[in-house]
Amino acid sequence: MGIDTNFYGKYEGEQFSLEPPAGYDPENPRANPAAMLEMREYRVREKFVDMAKAQIIRDRLQTCYRTEGVNHYQNCKELAERYVNMIKSVGVHRYNTNKADQPQME
């Protein structure tokens, strides 16, 4: 179910790797700039997936609160604890905050 074009063929959508990029060295990330950028994109994609999971749990928790009424303290406790644990490390933060990434004034 992609876009059918005569010149380029059928478009299947963006294909992302599910594995970290090959050739990335965590000890020396700037040795391979292409791998460094791929690793950054990989981390951001993983964070977006985690954020989507947390949003799903949040929506389920809201539904539980609304349906359970005054009993939501007991009946939604496990879901609330799961949501709190999920949002502790969720969020996309700036990755290039090292001193080497700052612009140099001459």
PDB file of N, CA and C in Angstrom:
ATOM      1  N   MET A   1       0.832  -1.167   0.000  1.00  0.00           N
ATOM      2  CA  MET A   1       0.000   0.000   0.000  1.00  0.00           C
ATOM      3  C   MET A   1       0.883   1.237   0.000  1.00  0.00           C
ATOM      4  N   GLY A   2       1.768   1.341  -0.929  1.00  0.00           N
ATOM      5  CA  GLY A   2       2.634   2.501  -1.038  1.00  0.00           C
ATOM      6  C   GLY A   2       2.210   3.381  -2.191  1.00  0.00           C
ATOM      7  N   ILE A   3       2.958   4.415  -2.411  1.00  0.00           N
ATOM      8  CA  ILE A   3       2.704   5.317  -3.522  1.00  0.00           C
ATOM      9  C   ILE A   3       3.286   4.684  -4.772  1.00  0.00           C
ATOM     10  N   ASP A   4       2.488   4.595  -5.808  1.00  0.00           N
ATOM     11  CA  ASP A   4       2.954   3.985  -7.047  1.00  0.00           C
ATOM     12  C   ASP A   4       3.347   5.090  -8.023  1.00  0.00           C
ATOM     13  N   THR A   5       4.627   5.116  -8.396  1.00  0.00           N
ATOM     14  CA  THR A   5       5.098   6.087  -9.378  1.00  0.00           C
ATOM     15  C   THR A   5       5.760   5.332 -10.509  1.00  0.00           C
ATOM     16  N   ASN A   6       5.726   5.915 -11.675  1.00  0.00           N
ATOM     17  CA  ASN A   6       6.307   5.259 -12.842  1.00  0.00           C
ATOM     18  C   ASN A   6       7.828   5.305 -12.819  1.00  0.00           C
ATOM     19  N   PHE A   7       8.397   6.413 -12.380  1.00  0.00           N
ATOM     20  CA  PHE A   7       9.843   6.588 -12.470  1.00  0.00           C
ATOM     21  C   PHE A   7      10.589   5.868 -11.346  1.00  0.00           C
ATOM     22  N   TYR A   8      10.117   6.023 -10.124  1.00  0.00           N
ATOM     23  CA  TYR A   8      10.829   5.481  -8.971  1.00  0.00           C
ATOM     24  C   TYR A   8      10.357   4.098  -8.549  1.00  0.00           C
ATOM     25  N   GLY A   9       9.222   3.685  -8.962  1.00  0.00           N
ATOM     26  CA  GLY A   9       8.687   2.412  -8.506  1.00  0.00           C
ATOM     27  C   GLY A   9       7.814   2.616  -7.280  1.00  0.00           C
ATOM     28  N   LYS A  10       7.485   1.534  -6.629  1.00  0.00           N
ATOM     29  CA  LYS A  10       6.589   1.585  -5.484  1.00  0.00           C
ATOM     30  C   LYS A  10       7.347   2.027  -4.235  1.00  0.00           C
ATOM     31  N   TYR A  11       6.794   2.993  -3.520  1.00  0.00           N
ATOM     32  CA  TYR A  11       7.397   3.510  -2.293  1.00  0.00           C
ATOM     33  C   TYR A  11       6.863   2.719  -1.112  1.00  0.00           C
ATOM     34  N   GLU A  12       7.761   2.118  -0.361  1.00  0.00           N
ATOM     35  CA  GLU A  12       7.368   1.266   0.769  1.00  0.00           C
ATOM     36  C   GLU A  12       7.488   1.982   2.111  1.00  0.00           C
ATOM     37  N   GLY A  13       7.889   3.230   2.124  1.00  0.00           N
ATOM     38  CA  GLY A  13       8.044   3.957   3.377  1.00  0.00           C
ATOM     39  C   GLY A  13       9.486   3.906   3.865  1.00  0.00           C
ATOM     40  N   GLU A  14       9.757   4.684   4.885  1.00  0.00           N
ATOM     41  CA  GLU A  14      11.112   4.754   5.444  1.00  0.00           C
ATOM     42  C   GLU A  14      11.413   3.472   6.208  1.00  0.00           C
ATOM     43  N   GLN A  15      12.554   2.899   5.936  1.00  0.00           N
ATOM     44  CA  GLN A  15      12.968   1.670   6.613  1.00  0.00           C
ATOM     45  C   GLN A  15      14.067   2.008   7.619  1.00  0.00           C
ATOM     46  N   PHE A  16      13.818   1.742   8.892  1.00  0.00           N
ATOM     47  CA  PHE A  16      14.786   2.029   9.938  1.00  0.00           C
ATOM     48  C   PHE A  16      15.371   0.735  10.471  1.00  0.00           C
ATOM     49  N   SER A  17      16.629   0.805  10.822  1.00  0.00           N
ATOM     50  CA  SER A  17      17.285  -0.345  11.414  1.00  0.00           C
ATOM     51  C   SER A  17      16.853  -0.470  12.874  1.00  0.00           C
ATOM     52  N   LEU A  18      16.649  -1.681  13.325  1.00  0.00           N
ATOM     53  CA  LEU A  18      16.272  -1.916  14.708  1.00  0.00           C
ATOM     54  C   LEU A  18      17.492  -2.109  15.600  1.00  0.00           C
ATOM     55  N   GLU A  19      18.658  -2.124  15.013  1.00  0.00           N
ATOM     56  CA  GLU A  19      19.909  -2.325  15.753  1.00  0.00           C
ATOM     57  C   GLU A  19      20.716  -1.034  15.751  1.00  0.00           C
ATOM     58  N   PRO A  20      21.570  -0.847  16.764  1.00  0.00           N
ATOM     59  CA  PRO A  20      22.469   0.310  16.741  1.00  0.00           C
ATOM     60  C   PRO A  20      23.386   0.230  15.517  1.00  0.00           C
ATOM     61  N   PRO A  21      23.876   1.369  15.036  1.00  0.00           N
ATOM     62  CA  PRO A  21      24.691   1.361  13.822  1.00  0.00           C
ATOM     63  C   PRO A  21      26.015   0.636  14.013  1.00  0.00           C
ATOM     64  N   ALA A  22      26.429  -0.053  12.973  1.00  0.00           N
ATOM     65  CA  ALA A  22      27.722  -0.732  13.010  1.00  0.00           C
ATOM     66  C   ALA A  22      28.813   0.315  12.809  1.00  0.00           C
ATOM     67  N   GLY A  23      29.934   0.109  13.426  1.00  0.00           N
ATOM     68  CA  GLY A  23      31.049   1.025  13.273  1.00  0.00           C
ATOM     69  C   GLY A  23      31.060   2.150  14.293  1.00  0.00           C
ATOM     70  N   TYR A  24      30.097   2.177  15.212  1.00  0.00           N
ATOM     71  CA  TYR A  24      30.069   3.221  16.237  1.00  0.00           C
ATOM     72  C   TYR A  24      30.910   2.773  17.419  1.00  0.00           C
ATOM     73  N   ASP A  25      31.851   3.611  17.807  1.00  0.00           N
ATOM     74  CA  ASP A  25      32.730   3.320  18.932  1.00  0.00           C
ATOM     75  C   ASP A  25      32.359   4.244  20.084  1.00  0.00           C
ATOM     76  N   PRO A  26      31.770   3.725  21.173  1.00  0.00           N
ATOM     77  CA  PRO A  26      31.374   4.594  22.281  1.00  0.00           C
ATOM     78  C   PRO A  26      32.556   5.254  22.985  1.00  0.00           C
ATOM     79  N   GLU A  27      33.731   4.655  22.889  1.00  0.00           N
ATOM     80  CA  GLU A  27      34.919   5.245  23.506  1.00  0.00           C
ATOM     81  C   GLU A  27      35.401   6.463  22.726  1.00  0.00           C
ATOM     82  N   ASN A  28      35.255   6.419  21.403  1.00  0.00           N
ATOM     83  CA  ASN A  28      35.677   7.519  20.546  1.00  0.00           C
ATOM     84  C   ASN A  28      34.572   7.776  19.523  1.00  0.00           C
ATOM     85  N   PRO A  29      33.495   8.455  19.936  1.00  0.00           N
ATOM     86  CA  PRO A  29      32.352   8.596  19.041  1.00  0.00           C
ATOM     87  C   PRO A  29      32.625   9.449  17.802  1.00  0.00           C
ATOM     88  N   ARG A  30      33.595  10.345  17.876  1.00  0.00           N
ATOM     89  CA  ARG A  30      33.871  11.229  16.748  1.00  0.00           C
ATOM     90  C   ARG A  30      34.811  10.620  15.717  1.00  0.00           C
ATOM     91  N   ALA A  31      35.216   9.387  15.915  1.00  0.00           N
ATOM     92  CA  ALA A  31      36.087   8.732  14.943  1.00  0.00           C
ATOM     93  C   ALA A  31      35.354   8.506  13.632  1.00  0.00           C
ATOM     94  N   ASN A  32      34.077   8.192  13.714  1.00  0.00           N
ATOM     95  CA  ASN A  32      33.269   7.969  12.524  1.00  0.00           C
ATOM     96  C   ASN A  32      32.043   8.883  12.617  1.00  0.00           C
ATOM     97  N   PRO A  33      32.089  10.075  11.978  1.00  0.00           N
ATOM     98  CA  PRO A  33      30.982  11.027  12.117  1.00  0.00           C
ATOM     99  C   PRO A  33      29.638  10.486  11.621  1.00  0.00           C
ATOM    100  N   ALA A  34      29.656   9.691  10.565  1.00  0.00           N
ATOM    101  CA  ALA A  34      28.400   9.145  10.046  1.00  0.00           C
ATOM    102  C   ALA A  34      27.776   8.187  11.063  1.00  0.00           C
ATOM    103  N   ALA A  35      28.595   7.349  11.659  1.00  0.00           N
ATOM    104  CA  ALA A  35      28.087   6.415  12.672  1.00  0.00           C
ATOM    105  C   ALA A  35      27.607   7.168  13.910  1.00  0.00           C
ATOM    106  N   MET A  36      28.271   8.278  14.241  1.00  0.00           N
ATOM    107  CA  MET A  36      27.858   9.074  15.392  1.00  0.00           C
ATOM    108  C   MET A  36      26.457   9.656  15.156  1.00  0.00           C
ATOM    109  N   LEU A  37      26.212  10.169  13.964  1.00  0.00           N
ATOM    110  CA  LEU A  37      24.890  10.722  13.661  1.00  0.00           C
ATOM    111  C   LEU A  37      23.826   9.631  13.595  1.00  0.00           C
ATOM    112  N   GLU A  38      24.186   8.474  13.058  1.00  0.00           N
ATOM    113  CA  GLU A  38      23.238   7.356  13.029  1.00  0.00           C
ATOM    114  C   GLU A  38      22.899   6.901  14.438  1.00  0.00           C
ATOM    115  N   MET A  39      23.900   6.896  15.330  1.00  0.00           N
ATOM    116  CA  MET A  39      23.654   6.498  16.714  1.00  0.00           C
ATOM    117  C   MET A  39      22.748   7.503  17.411  1.00  0.00           C
ATOM    118  N   ARG A  40      22.934   8.780  17.126  1.00  0.00           N
ATOM    119  CA  ARG A  40      22.076   9.813  17.703  1.00  0.00           C
ATOM    120  C   ARG A  40      20.640   9.610  17.232  1.00  0.00           C
ATOM    121  N   GLU A  41      20.453   9.374  15.939  1.00  0.00           N
ATOM    122  CA  GLU A  41      19.112   9.142  15.412  1.00  0.00           C
ATOM    123  C   GLU A  41      18.497   7.884  16.013  1.00  0.00           C
ATOM    124  N   TYR A  42      19.309   6.842  16.199  1.00  0.00           N
ATOM    125  CA  TYR A  42      18.831   5.600  16.801  1.00  0.00           C
ATOM    126  C   TYR A  42      18.338   5.857  18.227  1.00  0.00           C
ATOM    127  N   ARG A  43      19.113   6.612  19.012  1.00  0.00           N
ATOM    128  CA  ARG A  43      18.719   6.900  20.391  1.00  0.00           C
ATOM    129  C   ARG A  43      17.430   7.717  20.447  1.00  0.00           C
ATOM    130  N   VAL A  44      17.322   8.705  19.569  1.00  0.00           N
ATOM    131  CA  VAL A  44      16.124   9.537  19.549  1.00  0.00           C
ATOM    132  C   VAL A  44      14.901   8.705  19.152  1.00  0.00           C
ATOM    133  N   ARG A  45      15.062   7.811  18.163  1.00  0.00           N
ATOM    134  CA  ARG A  45      13.949   6.931  17.775  1.00  0.00           C
ATOM    135  C   ARG A  45      13.516   6.066  18.944  1.00  0.00           C
ATOM    136  N   GLU A  46      14.483   5.513  19.679  1.00  0.00           N
ATOM    137  CA  GLU A  46      14.147   4.676  20.829  1.00  0.00           C
ATOM    138  C   GLU A  46      13.430   5.479  21.906  1.00  0.00           C
ATOM    139  N   LYS A  47      13.847   6.735  22.109  1.00  0.00           N
ATOM    140  CA  LYS A  47      13.175   7.581  23.095  1.00  0.00           C
ATOM    141  C   LYS A  47      11.731   7.877  22.666  1.00  0.00           C
ATOM    142  N   PHE A  48      11.516   8.100  21.366  1.00  0.00           N
ATOM    143  CA  PHE A  48      10.157   8.340  20.890  1.00  0.00           C
ATOM    144  C   PHE A  48       9.279   7.111  21.076  1.00  0.00           C
ATOM    145  N   VAL A  49       9.835   5.937  20.898  1.00  0.00           N
ATOM    146  CA  VAL A  49       9.072   4.707  21.135  1.00  0.00           C
ATOM    147  C   VAL A  49       8.704   4.605  22.612  1.00  0.00           C
ATOM    148  N   ASP A  50       9.655   4.911  23.495  1.00  0.00           N
ATOM    149  CA  ASP A  50       9.378   4.878  24.933  1.00  0.00           C
ATOM    150  C   ASP A  50       8.314   5.906  25.313  1.00  0.00           C
ATOM    151  N   MET A  51       8.369   7.088  24.684  1.00  0.00           N
ATOM    152  CA  MET A  51       7.361   8.109  24.963  1.00  0.00           C
ATOM    153  C   MET A  51       5.986   7.650  24.507  1.00  0.00           C
ATOM    154  N   ALA A  52       5.913   6.977  23.363  1.00  0.00           N
ATOM    155  CA  ALA A  52       4.628   6.479  22.872  1.00  0.00           C
ATOM    156  C   ALA A  52       4.061   5.421  23.815  1.00  0.00           C
ATOM    157  N   LYS A  53       4.931   4.544  24.329  1.00  0.00           N
ATOM    158  CA  LYS A  53       4.473   3.538  25.295  1.00  0.00           C
ATOM    159  C   LYS A  53       3.933   4.199  26.553  1.00  0.00           C
ATOM    160  N   ALA A  54       4.626   5.238  27.037  1.00  0.00           N
ATOM    161  CA  ALA A  54       4.172   5.940  28.239  1.00  0.00           C
ATOM    162  C   ALA A  54       2.833   6.629  27.988  1.00  0.00           C
ATOM    163  N   GLN A  55       2.630   7.160  26.795  1.00  0.00           N
ATOM    164  CA  GLN A  55       1.349   7.801  26.485  1.00  0.00           C
ATOM    165  C   GLN A  55       0.206   6.788  26.478  1.00  0.00           C
ATOM    166  N   ILE A  56       0.483   5.586  25.990  1.00  0.00           N
ATOM    167  CA  ILE A  56      -0.539   4.542  25.990  1.00  0.00           C
ATOM    168  C   ILE A  56      -0.914   4.168  27.417  1.00  0.00           C
ATOM    169  N   ILE A  57       0.091   4.015  28.278  1.00  0.00           N
ATOM    170  CA  ILE A  57      -0.175   3.679  29.682  1.00  0.00           C
ATOM    171  C   ILE A  57      -0.926   4.831  30.352  1.00  0.00           C
ATOM    172  N   ARG A  58      -0.561   6.074  30.022  1.00  0.00           N
ATOM    173  CA  ARG A  58      -1.254   7.233  30.597  1.00  0.00           C
ATOM    174  C   ARG A  58      -2.723   7.237  30.194  1.00  0.00           C
ATOM    175  N   ASP A  59      -2.997   6.930  28.934  1.00  0.00           N
ATOM    176  CA  ASP A  59      -4.389   6.897  28.476  1.00  0.00           C
ATOM    177  C   ASP A  59      -5.175   5.799  29.184  1.00  0.00           C
ATOM    178  N   ARG A  60      -4.550   4.654  29.373  1.00  0.00           N
ATOM    179  CA  ARG A  60      -5.216   3.558  30.098  1.00  0.00           C
ATOM    180  C   ARG A  60      -5.475   3.956  31.551  1.00  0.00           C
ATOM    181  N   LEU A  61      -4.516   4.678  32.144  1.00  0.00           N
ATOM    182  CA  LEU A  61      -4.670   5.122  33.532  1.00  0.00           C
ATOM    183  C   LEU A  61      -5.807   6.137  33.642  1.00  0.00           C
ATOM    184  N   GLN A  62      -5.907   7.051  32.702  1.00  0.00           N
ATOM    185  CA  GLN A  62      -7.010   8.013  32.718  1.00  0.00           C
ATOM    186  C   GLN A  62      -8.360   7.310  32.596  1.00  0.00           C
ATOM    187  N   THR A  63      -8.422   6.317  31.715  1.00  0.00           N
ATOM    188  CA  THR A  63      -9.667   5.560  31.554  1.00  0.00           C
ATOM    189  C   THR A  63     -10.007   4.809  32.837  1.00  0.00           C
ATOM    190  N   CYS A  64      -8.986   4.251  33.468  1.00  0.00           N
ATOM    191  CA  CYS A  64      -9.201   3.523  34.722  1.00  0.00           C
ATOM    192  C   CYS A  64      -9.721   4.468  35.803  1.00  0.00           C
ATOM    193  N   TYR A  65      -9.122   5.657  35.916  1.00  0.00           N
ATOM    194  CA  TYR A  65      -9.594   6.629  36.909  1.00  0.00           C
ATOM    195  C   TYR A  65     -11.050   6.982  36.684  1.00  0.00           C
ATOM    196  N   ARG A  66     -11.428   7.177  35.431  1.00  0.00           N
ATOM    197  CA  ARG A  66     -12.797   7.596  35.123  1.00  0.00           C
ATOM    198  C   ARG A  66     -13.810   6.485  35.367  1.00  0.00           C
ATOM    199  N   THR A  67     -13.427   5.248  35.053  1.00  0.00           N
ATOM    200  CA  THR A  67     -14.387   4.152  35.196  1.00  0.00           C
ATOM    201  C   THR A  67     -14.492   3.654  36.627  1.00  0.00           C
ATOM    202  N   GLU A  68     -13.402   3.742  37.383  1.00  0.00           N
ATOM    203  CA  GLU A  68     -13.418   3.191  38.744  1.00  0.00           C
ATOM    204  C   GLU A  68     -13.979   4.166  39.770  1.00  0.00           C
ATOM    205  N   GLY A  69     -13.929   5.441  39.478  1.00  0.00           N
ATOM    206  CA  GLY A  69     -14.483   6.424  40.424  1.00  0.00           C
ATOM    207  C   GLY A  69     -13.674   6.490  41.702  1.00  0.00           C
ATOM    208  N   VAL A  70     -14.375   6.372  42.839  1.00  0.00           N
ATOM    209  CA  VAL A  70     -13.708   6.515  44.130  1.00  0.00           C
ATOM    210  C   VAL A  70     -12.800   5.329  44.455  1.00  0.00           C
ATOM    211  N   ASN A  71     -12.960   4.225  43.757  1.00  0.00           N
ATOM    212  CA  ASN A  71     -12.132   3.053  44.009  1.00  0.00           C
ATOM    213  C   ASN A  71     -10.845   3.043  43.186  1.00  0.00           C
ATOM    214  N   HIS A  72     -10.527   4.148  42.519  1.00  0.00           N
ATOM    215  CA  HIS A  72      -9.351   4.139  41.653  1.00  0.00           C
ATOM    216  C   HIS A  72      -8.051   4.007  42.428  1.00  0.00           C
ATOM    217  N   TYR A  73      -8.044   4.355  43.712  1.00  0.00           N
ATOM    218  CA  TYR A  73      -6.821   4.193  44.503  1.00  0.00           C
ATOM    219  C   TYR A  73      -6.417   2.726  44.596  1.00  0.00           C
ATOM    220  N   GLN A  74      -7.390   1.845  44.718  1.00  0.00           N
ATOM    221  CA  GLN A  74      -7.103   0.417  44.826  1.00  0.00           C
ATOM    222  C   GLN A  74      -7.020  -0.255  43.460  1.00  0.00           C
ATOM    223  N   ASN A  75      -7.938   0.059  42.574  1.00  0.00           N
ATOM    224  CA  ASN A  75      -8.047  -0.674  41.317  1.00  0.00           C
ATOM    225  C   ASN A  75      -7.057  -0.220  40.242  1.00  0.00           C
ATOM    226  N   CYS A  76      -6.523   0.967  40.360  1.00  0.00           N
ATOM    227  CA  CYS A  76      -5.594   1.481  39.345  1.00  0.00           C
ATOM    228  C   CYS A  76      -4.176   1.622  39.886  1.00  0.00           C
ATOM    229  N   LYS A  77      -3.913   1.061  41.049  1.00  0.00           N
ATOM    230  CA  LYS A  77      -2.619   1.253  41.693  1.00  0.00           C
ATOM    231  C   LYS A  77      -1.472   0.698  40.851  1.00  0.00           C
ATOM    232  N   GLU A  78      -1.617  -0.521  40.334  1.00  0.00           N
ATOM    233  CA  GLU A  78      -0.535  -1.134  39.555  1.00  0.00           C
ATOM    234  C   GLU A  78      -0.254  -0.345  38.283  1.00  0.00           C
ATOM    235  N   LEU A  79      -1.314   0.124  37.650  1.00  0.00           N
ATOM    236  CA  LEU A  79      -1.166   0.910  36.423  1.00  0.00           C
ATOM    237  C   LEU A  79      -0.485   2.247  36.715  1.00  0.00           C
ATOM    238  N   ALA A  80      -0.825   2.869  37.829  1.00  0.00           N
ATOM    239  CA  ALA A  80      -0.205   4.141  38.199  1.00  0.00           C
ATOM    240  C   ALA A  80       1.272   3.954  38.514  1.00  0.00           C
ATOM    241  N   GLU A  81       1.616   2.877  39.210  1.00  0.00           N
ATOM    242  CA  GLU A  81       3.026   2.609  39.509  1.00  0.00           C
ATOM    243  C   GLU A  81       3.818   2.332  38.241  1.00  0.00           C
ATOM    244  N   ARG A  82       3.212   1.612  37.323  1.00  0.00           N
ATOM    245  CA  ARG A  82       3.876   1.328  36.046  1.00  0.00           C
ATOM    246  C   ARG A  82       4.116   2.612  35.258  1.00  0.00           C
ATOM    247  N   TYR A  83       3.128   3.502  35.260  1.00  0.00           N
ATOM    248  CA  TYR A  83       3.259   4.768  34.542  1.00  0.00           C
ATOM    249  C   TYR A  83       4.361   5.638  35.159  1.00  0.00           C
ATOM    250  N   VAL A  84       4.400   5.702  36.477  1.00  0.00           N
ATOM    251  CA  VAL A  84       5.431   6.507  37.146  1.00  0.00           C
ATOM    252  C   VAL A  84       6.821   5.963  36.829  1.00  0.00           C
ATOM    253  N   ASN A  85       6.972   4.651  36.831  1.00  0.00           N
ATOM    254  CA  ASN A  85       8.272   4.063  36.504  1.00  0.00           C
ATOM    255  C   ASN A  85       8.662   4.314  35.049  1.00  0.00           C
ATOM    256  N   MET A  86       7.682   4.358  34.162  1.00  0.00           N
ATOM    257  CA  MET A  86       7.984   4.569  32.746  1.00  0.00           C
ATOM    258  C   MET A  86       8.403   6.003  32.457  1.00  0.00           C
ATOM    259  N   ILE A  87       7.820   6.979  33.147  1.00  0.00           N
ATOM    260  CA  ILE A  87       8.109   8.369  32.801  1.00  0.00           C
ATOM    261  C   ILE A  87       9.374   8.900  33.469  1.00  0.00           C
ATOM    262  N   LYS A  88      10.009   8.107  34.298  1.00  0.00           N
ATOM    263  CA  LYS A  88      11.224   8.588  34.962  1.00  0.00           C
ATOM    264  C   LYS A  88      12.340   8.891  33.972  1.00  0.00           C
ATOM    265  N   SER A  89      12.468   8.088  32.935  1.00  0.00           N
ATOM    266  CA  SER A  89      13.572   8.292  31.996  1.00  0.00           C
ATOM    267  C   SER A  89      13.090   8.591  30.583  1.00  0.00           C
ATOM    268  N   VAL A  90      11.827   8.972  30.445  1.00  0.00           N
ATOM    269  CA  VAL A  90      11.280   9.226  29.118  1.00  0.00           C
ATOM    270  C   VAL A  90      11.453  10.699  28.778  1.00  0.00           C
ATOM    271  N   GLY A  91      11.803  10.944  27.543  1.00  0.00           N
ATOM    272  CA  GLY A  91      11.945  12.307  27.050  1.00  0.00           C
ATOM    273  C   GLY A  91      13.140  12.391  26.127  1.00  0.00           C
ATOM    274  N   VAL A  92      13.060  13.259  25.170  1.00  0.00           N
ATOM    275  CA  VAL A  92      14.161  13.462  24.245  1.00  0.00           C
ATOM    276  C   VAL A  92      14.937  14.666  24.733  1.00  0.00           C
ATOM    277  N   HIS A  93      16.179  14.436  25.054  1.00  0.00           N
ATOM    278  CA  HIS A  93      17.036  15.489  25.563  1.00  0.00           C
ATOM    279  C   HIS A  93      18.082  15.830  24.512  1.00  0.00           C
ATOM    280  N   ARG A  94      18.711  16.928  24.684  1.00  0.00           N
ATOM    281  CA  ARG A  94      19.736  17.330  23.732  1.00  0.00           C
ATOM    282  C   ARG A  94      20.959  16.444  23.924  1.00  0.00           C
ATOM    283  N   TYR A  95      21.443  15.863  22.823  1.00  0.00           N
ATOM    284  CA  TYR A  95      22.568  14.943  22.910  1.00  0.00           C
ATOM    285  C   TYR A  95      23.911  15.638  22.748  1.00  0.00           C
ATOM    286  N   ASN A  96      23.962  16.734  22.022  1.00  0.00           N
ATOM    287  CA  ASN A  96      25.245  17.380  21.816  1.00  0.00           C
ATOM    288  C   ASN A  96      25.405  18.535  22.798  1.00  0.00           C
ATOM    289  N   THR A  97      25.760  18.189  24.029  1.00  0.00           N
ATOM    290  CA  THR A  97      25.965  19.192  25.069  1.00  0.00           C
ATOM    291  C   THR A  97      27.401  19.198  25.560  1.00  0.00           C
ATOM    292  N   ASN A  98      28.291  18.501  24.873  1.00  0.00           N
ATOM    293  CA  ASN A  98      29.693  18.500  25.272  1.00  0.00           C
ATOM    294  C   ASN A  98      30.339  19.831  24.947  1.00  0.00           C
ATOM    295  N   LYS A  99      31.470  20.086  25.559  1.00  0.00           N
ATOM    296  CA  LYS A  99      32.206  21.320  25.301  1.00  0.00           C
ATOM    297  C   LYS A  99      32.646  21.381  23.842  1.00  0.00           C
ATOM    298  N   ALA A 100      32.983  20.244  23.255  1.00  0.00           N
ATOM    299  CA  ALA A 100      33.438  20.210  21.859  1.00  0.00           C
ATOM    300  C   ALA A 100      32.315  20.551  20.892  1.00  0.00           C
ATOM    301  N   ASP A 101      31.060  20.430  21.311  1.00  0.00           N
ATOM    302  CA  ASP A 101      29.930  20.713  20.426  1.00  0.00           C
ATOM    303  C   ASP A 101      29.513  22.182  20.426  1.00  0.00           C
ATOM    304  N   GLN A 102      30.061  22.968  21.353  1.00  0.00           N
ATOM    305  CA  GLN A 102      29.691  24.371  21.426  1.00  0.00           C
ATOM    306  C   GLN A 102      30.413  25.173  20.358  1.00  0.00           C
ATOM    307  N   PRO A 103      29.788  26.210  19.818  1.00  0.00           N
ATOM    308  CA  PRO A 103      30.451  27.024  18.804  1.00  0.00           C
ATOM    309  C   PRO A 103      31.664  27.740  19.381  1.00  0.00           C
ATOM    310  N   GLN A 104      32.713  27.797  18.612  1.00  0.00           N
ATOM    311  CA  GLN A 104      33.959  28.435  19.045  1.00  0.00           C
ATOM    312  C   GLN A 104      33.981  29.878  18.587  1.00  0.00           C
ATOM    313  N   MET A 105      34.207  30.779  19.511  1.00  0.00           N
ATOM    314  CA  MET A 105      34.311  32.210  19.179  1.00  0.00           C
ATOM    315  C   MET A 105      35.773  32.554  18.964  1.00  0.00           C
ATOM    316  N   GLU A 106      36.051  33.210  17.866  1.00  0.00           N
ATOM    317  CA  GLU A 106      37.446  33.566  17.583  1.00  0.00           C
ATOM    318  C   GLU A 106      37.695  35.031  17.757  1.00  0.00           C
TER     319      GLU A 106
END
